[in-house]
């Protein structure tokens, strides 16, 4: 199935929205955008926290990588309570010594679905990171249909607001990568979230799309949008298809109305390549974006690389109507 120019223009409305405002002058060539309603200036490239705790990096190399990123203008750090059983947070805490904490907008994520769970995860993250305050604390991996109700009704959200009032966190957001309807429910239940983190890549455009279904609502609510899984999945599935380069994948995500693009980097070489892409960033032209989307379309069907969208529901997790389209209907509005 080919995608003509008219169809592309109809379906890329989210991508046509304006970028968040430039929040500050570039530092060492790194562009900064505004993080939604927070007015915080964040680097276009965000350093993903998962890889820094992995076995492929020594602790010393991980710390050097993080500090080099900051020195080159990256000020947004991603992490999560469960990454490598806490090793990622512990290493990041060590990297933020010697004045680096003051240069970083620090985000970590948690999986607390009630008061006790949220409290335990926050206290653990604060201890591992060795900080008194986390800039952005996000409810992580909202993938089960029942999670929004539990977060809203079992005390977890109330605890987050209490922690915010006590100065332990500054902003509150959420993440997820399975059902875009679950993201929409998190918004529609009414809390005024500061940020949202979701998969945004050229595969996503074609299958159970967050770009087409969630991104417009996030922009309407002035949420700070954090793009993730920009290579289509893990490990780098868009690259495995040889239909797109890492630079194209990052540029595609950066060309959307997002505040920052989170990228996992497990070597200094990868970091330097991504820094170069961010610093040289120019938005993809309409025709360039359409050609890239058309090029990867055969590999996008039917979500075989975006396994985070297809495997979570196997067994006990149902897929609500509208989330499991016929592959032939990828381009229906």
Protein backbone atom coordinates (compact mmCIF):
# COMPACT_ATOMS: atom_id res chain seq x y z
CA UNK A 1 0.00 0.00 0.00
CA UNK A 2 1.51 3.35 -0.98
CA UNK A 3 1.00 6.63 0.79
CA UNK A 4 0.27 9.61 -1.42
CA UNK A 5 0.98 13.22 -0.51
CA UNK A 6 -2.67 13.99 0.30
CA UNK A 7 -2.94 11.07 2.72
CA UNK A 8 0.32 12.01 4.41
CA UNK A 9 -0.80 15.60 4.95
CA UNK A 10 -4.12 14.45 6.40
CA UNK A 11 -2.52 12.06 8.86
CA UNK A 12 0.48 14.10 9.97
CA UNK A 13 -1.47 16.81 11.74
CA UNK A 14 0.36 16.17 15.01
CA UNK A 15 3.70 16.51 13.28
CA UNK A 16 2.64 19.80 11.74
CA UNK A 17 2.12 21.45 15.11
CA UNK A 18 4.65 24.06 16.13
CA UNK A 19 7.67 23.07 18.19
CA UNK A 20 7.70 24.08 21.84
CA UNK A 21 9.25 27.50 22.19
CA UNK A 22 13.01 27.79 22.24
CA UNK A 23 13.58 28.27 25.96
CA UNK A 24 17.16 29.52 26.03
CA UNK A 25 20.11 30.21 23.83
CA UNK A 26 21.98 27.06 22.75
CA UNK A 27 24.84 26.00 25.00
CA UNK A 28 27.80 24.40 23.25
CA UNK A 29 25.51 24.19 20.23
CA UNK A 30 22.75 22.23 22.02
CA UNK A 31 19.21 23.55 21.35
CA UNK A 32 16.79 23.94 24.26
CA UNK A 33 13.01 23.77 24.21
CA UNK A 34 10.35 24.58 26.79
CA UNK A 35 9.03 21.63 28.80
CA UNK A 36 5.31 22.23 28.38
CA UNK A 37 3.62 24.41 30.98
CA UNK A 38 6.62 24.19 33.34
CA UNK A 39 8.62 26.82 31.41
CA UNK A 40 11.76 24.78 32.17
CA UNK A 41 14.45 24.90 29.48
CA UNK A 42 15.46 21.35 28.52
CA UNK A 43 17.95 20.09 25.98
CA UNK A 44 16.62 18.66 22.73
CA UNK A 45 18.57 15.47 23.51
CA UNK A 46 17.77 13.67 26.77
CA UNK A 47 20.18 11.10 28.19
CA UNK A 48 18.32 7.83 28.78
CA UNK A 49 19.01 6.20 32.13
CA UNK A 50 18.58 2.52 31.33
CA UNK A 51 21.85 1.85 29.52
CA UNK A 52 24.08 3.61 32.04
CA UNK A 53 23.39 0.86 34.56
CA UNK A 54 24.07 -2.01 32.18
CA UNK A 55 26.96 -4.45 32.21
CA UNK A 56 28.35 -3.08 28.96
CA UNK A 57 29.49 0.02 30.82
CA UNK A 58 31.74 0.13 33.85
CA UNK A 59 30.72 2.54 36.57
CA UNK A 60 33.64 4.81 35.73
CA UNK A 61 32.74 4.84 32.03
CA UNK A 62 29.08 5.50 32.81
CA UNK A 63 29.97 8.48 35.00
CA UNK A 64 32.35 9.83 32.35
CA UNK A 65 29.65 9.46 29.69
CA UNK A 66 27.07 11.35 31.77
CA UNK A 67 29.44 14.16 32.64
CA UNK A 68 30.55 14.51 29.02
CA UNK A 69 26.89 14.81 28.02
CA UNK A 70 26.39 17.65 30.52
CA UNK A 71 29.58 19.38 29.42
CA UNK A 72 28.26 19.26 25.84
CA UNK A 73 24.92 20.86 26.73
CA UNK A 74 22.63 17.97 27.72
CA UNK A 75 20.71 19.03 30.82
CA UNK A 76 17.84 16.48 30.87
CA UNK A 77 18.55 13.13 32.54
CA UNK A 78 16.10 10.21 32.44
CA UNK A 79 16.07 7.33 34.92
CA UNK A 80 13.72 4.88 36.65
CA UNK A 81 13.42 3.18 40.02
CA UNK A 82 13.68 -0.33 38.56
CA UNK A 83 16.49 0.15 35.99
CA UNK A 84 19.06 -2.58 36.69
CA UNK A 85 17.79 -2.99 40.25
CA UNK A 86 18.81 0.54 41.11
CA UNK A 87 22.29 0.56 39.56
CA UNK A 88 21.28 3.23 37.02
CA UNK A 89 20.10 5.59 39.75
CA UNK A 90 23.15 4.92 41.93
CA UNK A 91 25.55 5.64 39.07
CA UNK A 92 23.65 8.77 38.10
CA UNK A 93 23.82 9.98 41.70
CA UNK A 94 27.59 9.64 41.61
CA UNK A 95 27.81 11.44 38.26
CA UNK A 96 25.86 14.38 39.69
CA UNK A 97 28.51 15.08 42.36
CA UNK A 98 31.08 17.87 41.99
CA UNK A 99 28.55 20.49 40.94
CA UNK A 100 26.87 18.52 38.15
CA UNK A 101 23.53 18.29 39.99
CA UNK A 102 23.04 22.04 39.55
CA UNK A 103 23.41 21.65 35.77
CA UNK A 104 20.84 18.88 35.28
CA UNK A 105 17.05 18.67 35.14
CA UNK A 106 16.69 15.32 36.87
CA UNK A 107 13.84 12.95 36.09
CA UNK A 108 13.18 9.49 37.44
CA UNK A 109 10.19 7.19 37.20
CA UNK A 110 8.42 4.82 39.59
CA UNK A 111 5.80 2.10 39.66
CA UNK A 112 3.92 2.93 42.84
CA UNK A 113 0.18 2.40 42.38
CA UNK A 114 -0.86 3.20 45.94
CA UNK A 115 0.34 5.40 48.80
CA UNK A 116 2.76 2.89 50.31
CA UNK A 117 4.25 1.84 47.01
CA UNK A 118 4.74 5.38 45.78
CA UNK A 119 6.32 6.45 49.06
CA UNK A 120 8.71 3.51 49.08
CA UNK A 121 9.81 4.14 45.50
CA UNK A 122 10.35 7.86 46.03
CA UNK A 123 12.38 7.38 49.20
CA UNK A 124 14.47 4.71 47.47
CA UNK A 125 15.13 6.89 44.42
CA UNK A 126 16.10 9.89 46.56
CA UNK A 127 18.56 7.71 48.48
CA UNK A 128 20.12 6.12 45.41
CA UNK A 129 20.41 9.41 43.54
CA UNK A 130 21.66 11.04 46.77
CA UNK A 131 19.56 14.15 46.26
CA UNK A 132 16.98 16.00 48.33
CA UNK A 133 14.71 16.76 45.39
CA UNK A 134 13.84 15.27 42.00
CA UNK A 135 12.82 17.72 39.29
CA UNK A 136 10.36 15.41 37.54
CA UNK A 137 8.82 12.24 39.00
CA UNK A 138 6.82 10.16 36.55
CA UNK A 139 4.41 7.28 37.02
CA UNK A 140 6.11 4.66 34.89
CA UNK A 141 4.96 2.06 32.40
CA UNK A 142 1.23 2.74 32.42
CA UNK A 143 0.37 -0.26 30.24
CA UNK A 144 -2.46 -2.09 32.01
CA UNK A 145 -6.00 -0.81 31.45
CA UNK A 146 -6.71 -0.78 35.20
CA UNK A 147 -3.67 1.33 36.15
CA UNK A 148 -5.17 4.81 35.63
CA UNK A 149 -8.03 4.03 38.03
CA UNK A 150 -5.63 2.65 40.63
CA UNK A 151 -3.31 5.67 40.40
CA UNK A 152 -6.18 8.12 40.73
CA UNK A 153 -8.10 6.28 43.46
CA UNK A 154 -5.58 4.34 45.60
CA UNK A 155 -3.61 7.26 47.00
CA UNK A 156 -0.56 7.28 44.70
CA UNK A 157 -1.47 10.57 43.06
CA UNK A 158 -2.34 12.14 46.41
CA UNK A 159 1.06 11.07 47.71
CA UNK A 160 2.79 12.64 44.68
CA UNK A 161 1.04 15.94 45.42
CA UNK A 162 2.08 15.71 49.08
CA UNK A 163 5.69 15.05 48.06
CA UNK A 164 5.51 18.02 45.72
CA UNK A 165 4.22 20.27 48.51
CA UNK A 166 7.08 19.07 50.72
CA UNK A 167 9.66 19.98 48.08
CA UNK A 168 10.77 16.42 47.35
CA UNK A 169 9.64 16.62 43.72
CA UNK A 170 8.88 19.57 41.48
CA UNK A 171 6.78 18.22 38.62
CA UNK A 172 4.60 15.15 38.01
CA UNK A 173 4.16 13.15 34.81
CA UNK A 174 3.59 9.65 33.45
CA UNK A 175 4.90 7.26 30.82
CA UNK A 176 3.77 4.20 28.91
CA UNK A 177 4.18 2.38 25.63
CA UNK A 178 1.42 -0.21 25.21
CA UNK A 179 -2.12 1.13 24.71
CA UNK A 180 -2.56 4.71 23.59
CA UNK A 181 -6.08 4.58 25.09
CA UNK A 182 -4.50 4.15 28.53
CA UNK A 183 -2.50 7.35 27.99
CA UNK A 184 -5.68 9.13 26.97
CA UNK A 185 -7.47 7.91 30.09
CA UNK A 186 -4.65 9.20 32.30
CA UNK A 187 -5.25 12.64 30.77
CA UNK A 188 -9.03 12.51 30.63
CA UNK A 189 -9.47 11.53 34.29
CA UNK A 190 -8.63 15.14 34.99
CA UNK A 191 -5.29 15.57 36.74
CA UNK A 192 -3.25 18.46 35.34
CA UNK A 193 -0.10 16.51 34.44
CA UNK A 194 3.12 18.37 33.71
CA UNK A 195 4.66 15.84 31.33
CA UNK A 196 3.99 12.75 29.27
CA UNK A 197 6.49 10.25 27.84
CA UNK A 198 5.58 7.97 24.92
CA UNK A 199 6.94 6.09 21.89
CA UNK A 200 7.33 8.38 18.89
CA UNK A 201 8.98 6.93 15.82
CA UNK A 202 8.24 6.12 12.19
CA UNK A 203 6.94 2.64 13.08
CA UNK A 204 4.56 4.11 15.66
CA UNK A 205 2.98 6.28 13.00
CA UNK A 206 1.65 3.17 11.25
CA UNK A 207 0.49 1.00 14.16
CA UNK A 208 -1.58 1.83 17.26
CA UNK A 209 -0.10 5.28 16.95
CA UNK A 210 0.73 7.48 19.91
CA UNK A 211 1.69 10.25 17.50
CA UNK A 212 -1.70 10.29 15.86
CA UNK A 213 -3.89 9.57 18.90
CA UNK A 214 -2.12 10.98 21.98
CA UNK A 215 0.27 13.69 20.82
CA UNK A 216 -2.45 16.13 19.70
CA UNK A 217 -4.19 15.81 23.07
CA UNK A 218 -0.91 16.30 24.93
CA UNK A 219 -0.20 19.47 22.96
CA UNK A 220 -3.74 20.71 23.59
CA UNK A 221 -3.12 20.27 27.34
CA UNK A 222 0.32 21.93 27.08
CA UNK A 223 2.11 18.91 28.48
CA UNK A 224 5.84 18.60 28.18
CA UNK A 225 6.22 15.75 25.66
CA UNK A 226 9.19 13.40 26.06
CA UNK A 227 9.76 11.17 23.03
CA UNK A 228 11.11 7.67 23.63
CA UNK A 229 11.80 4.48 21.65
CA UNK A 230 12.82 6.65 18.72
CA UNK A 231 14.59 3.73 17.02
CA UNK A 232 11.34 1.79 17.03
CA UNK A 233 12.04 -0.52 19.92
CA UNK A 234 14.83 -2.33 21.63
CA UNK A 235 17.46 -2.99 20.53
CA UNK A 236 17.25 -0.46 17.70
CA UNK A 237 14.85 -2.33 15.49
CA UNK A 238 14.54 0.40 12.90
CA UNK A 239 18.25 0.03 12.32
CA UNK A 240 17.89 -3.74 11.94
CA UNK A 241 15.54 -3.24 9.00
CA UNK A 242 18.19 -1.07 7.30
CA UNK A 243 15.34 1.20 6.17
CA UNK A 244 16.45 4.14 8.33
CA UNK A 245 19.59 5.46 9.99
CA UNK A 246 19.92 6.46 13.63
CA UNK A 247 20.25 10.07 12.54
CA UNK A 248 17.01 9.89 10.52
CA UNK A 249 15.19 8.32 13.45
CA UNK A 250 16.32 11.03 15.86
CA UNK A 251 15.56 13.80 13.36
CA UNK A 252 12.08 12.41 12.78
CA UNK A 253 11.30 12.51 16.50
CA UNK A 254 12.94 15.90 16.96
CA UNK A 255 10.82 17.24 14.09
CA UNK A 256 7.65 16.51 16.07
CA UNK A 257 6.23 18.98 18.62
CA UNK A 258 8.15 17.43 21.51
CA UNK A 259 10.16 19.08 24.26
CA UNK A 260 12.99 16.54 24.29
CA UNK A 261 13.99 13.22 22.74
CA UNK A 262 15.19 10.51 25.12
CA UNK A 263 17.92 8.25 23.78
CA UNK A 264 19.68 5.35 25.45
CA UNK A 265 23.44 5.58 24.91
CA UNK A 266 25.80 2.83 26.02
CA UNK A 267 29.06 4.19 24.65
CA UNK A 268 30.89 7.47 24.24
CA UNK A 269 30.81 6.90 20.48
CA UNK A 270 27.01 6.71 20.43
CA UNK A 271 26.72 9.74 22.68
CA UNK A 272 28.95 11.80 20.39
CA UNK A 273 26.94 10.80 17.32
CA UNK A 274 23.68 11.75 18.99
CA UNK A 275 25.15 15.03 20.22
CA UNK A 276 26.16 15.85 16.66
CA UNK A 277 22.65 15.09 15.38
CA UNK A 278 21.01 17.28 18.02
CA UNK A 279 23.41 20.18 17.53
CA UNK A 280 23.03 20.11 13.74
CA UNK A 281 19.26 19.57 13.90
CA UNK A 282 17.10 20.96 11.15
CA UNK A 283 13.42 19.95 10.92
CA UNK A 284 12.51 17.35 8.32
CA UNK A 285 10.72 18.82 5.35
CA UNK A 286 7.24 17.49 4.58
CA UNK A 287 8.37 15.49 1.56
CA UNK A 288 11.37 14.05 3.43
CA UNK A 289 9.18 12.92 6.32
CA UNK A 290 6.58 11.42 3.97
CA UNK A 291 9.25 9.49 2.07
CA UNK A 292 10.70 8.07 5.28
CA UNK A 293 7.27 7.00 6.54
CA UNK A 294 6.49 5.30 3.25
CA UNK A 295 9.89 3.58 3.19
CA UNK A 296 9.41 1.87 6.56
CA UNK A 297 5.72 1.07 6.18
CA UNK A 298 6.20 -2.59 5.12
CA UNK A 299 8.39 -3.25 8.18
CA UNK A 300 5.91 -1.53 10.50
CA UNK A 301 3.18 -4.09 9.82
CA UNK A 302 1.67 -5.45 11.97
CA UNK A 303 3.67 -4.06 14.88
CA UNK A 304 6.16 -6.93 14.81
CA UNK A 305 9.06 -4.70 15.84
CA UNK A 306 7.10 -2.63 18.37
CA UNK A 307 6.74 -5.63 20.66
CA UNK A 308 5.94 -3.36 23.59
CA UNK A 309 2.61 -2.71 21.85
CA UNK A 310 1.80 -6.33 21.01
CA UNK A 311 3.13 -8.57 23.78
CA UNK A 312 1.92 -6.90 26.95
CA UNK A 313 -1.69 -7.90 26.32
CA UNK A 314 -1.06 -11.60 25.78
CA UNK A 315 -2.73 -13.61 28.50
CA UNK A 316 -4.61 -11.58 31.07
CA UNK A 317 -4.44 -8.05 29.64
CA UNK A 318 -7.26 -7.36 27.15
CA UNK A 319 -6.89 -5.04 24.19
CA UNK A 320 -9.72 -2.48 24.11
CA UNK A 321 -11.56 -1.90 20.82
CA UNK A 322 -9.66 0.27 18.40
CA UNK A 323 -6.21 -0.81 19.56
CA UNK A 324 -5.73 -3.85 17.37
CA UNK A 325 -6.44 -2.67 13.82
CA UNK A 326 -6.30 -4.73 10.69
CA UNK A 327 -2.88 -4.15 9.08
CA UNK A 328 -4.67 -3.02 5.92
CA UNK A 329 -6.24 -0.15 7.85
CA UNK A 330 -3.01 1.49 9.07
CA UNK A 331 -3.75 4.70 7.18
CA UNK A 332 -7.36 5.20 8.14
CA UNK A 333 -7.89 8.36 10.13
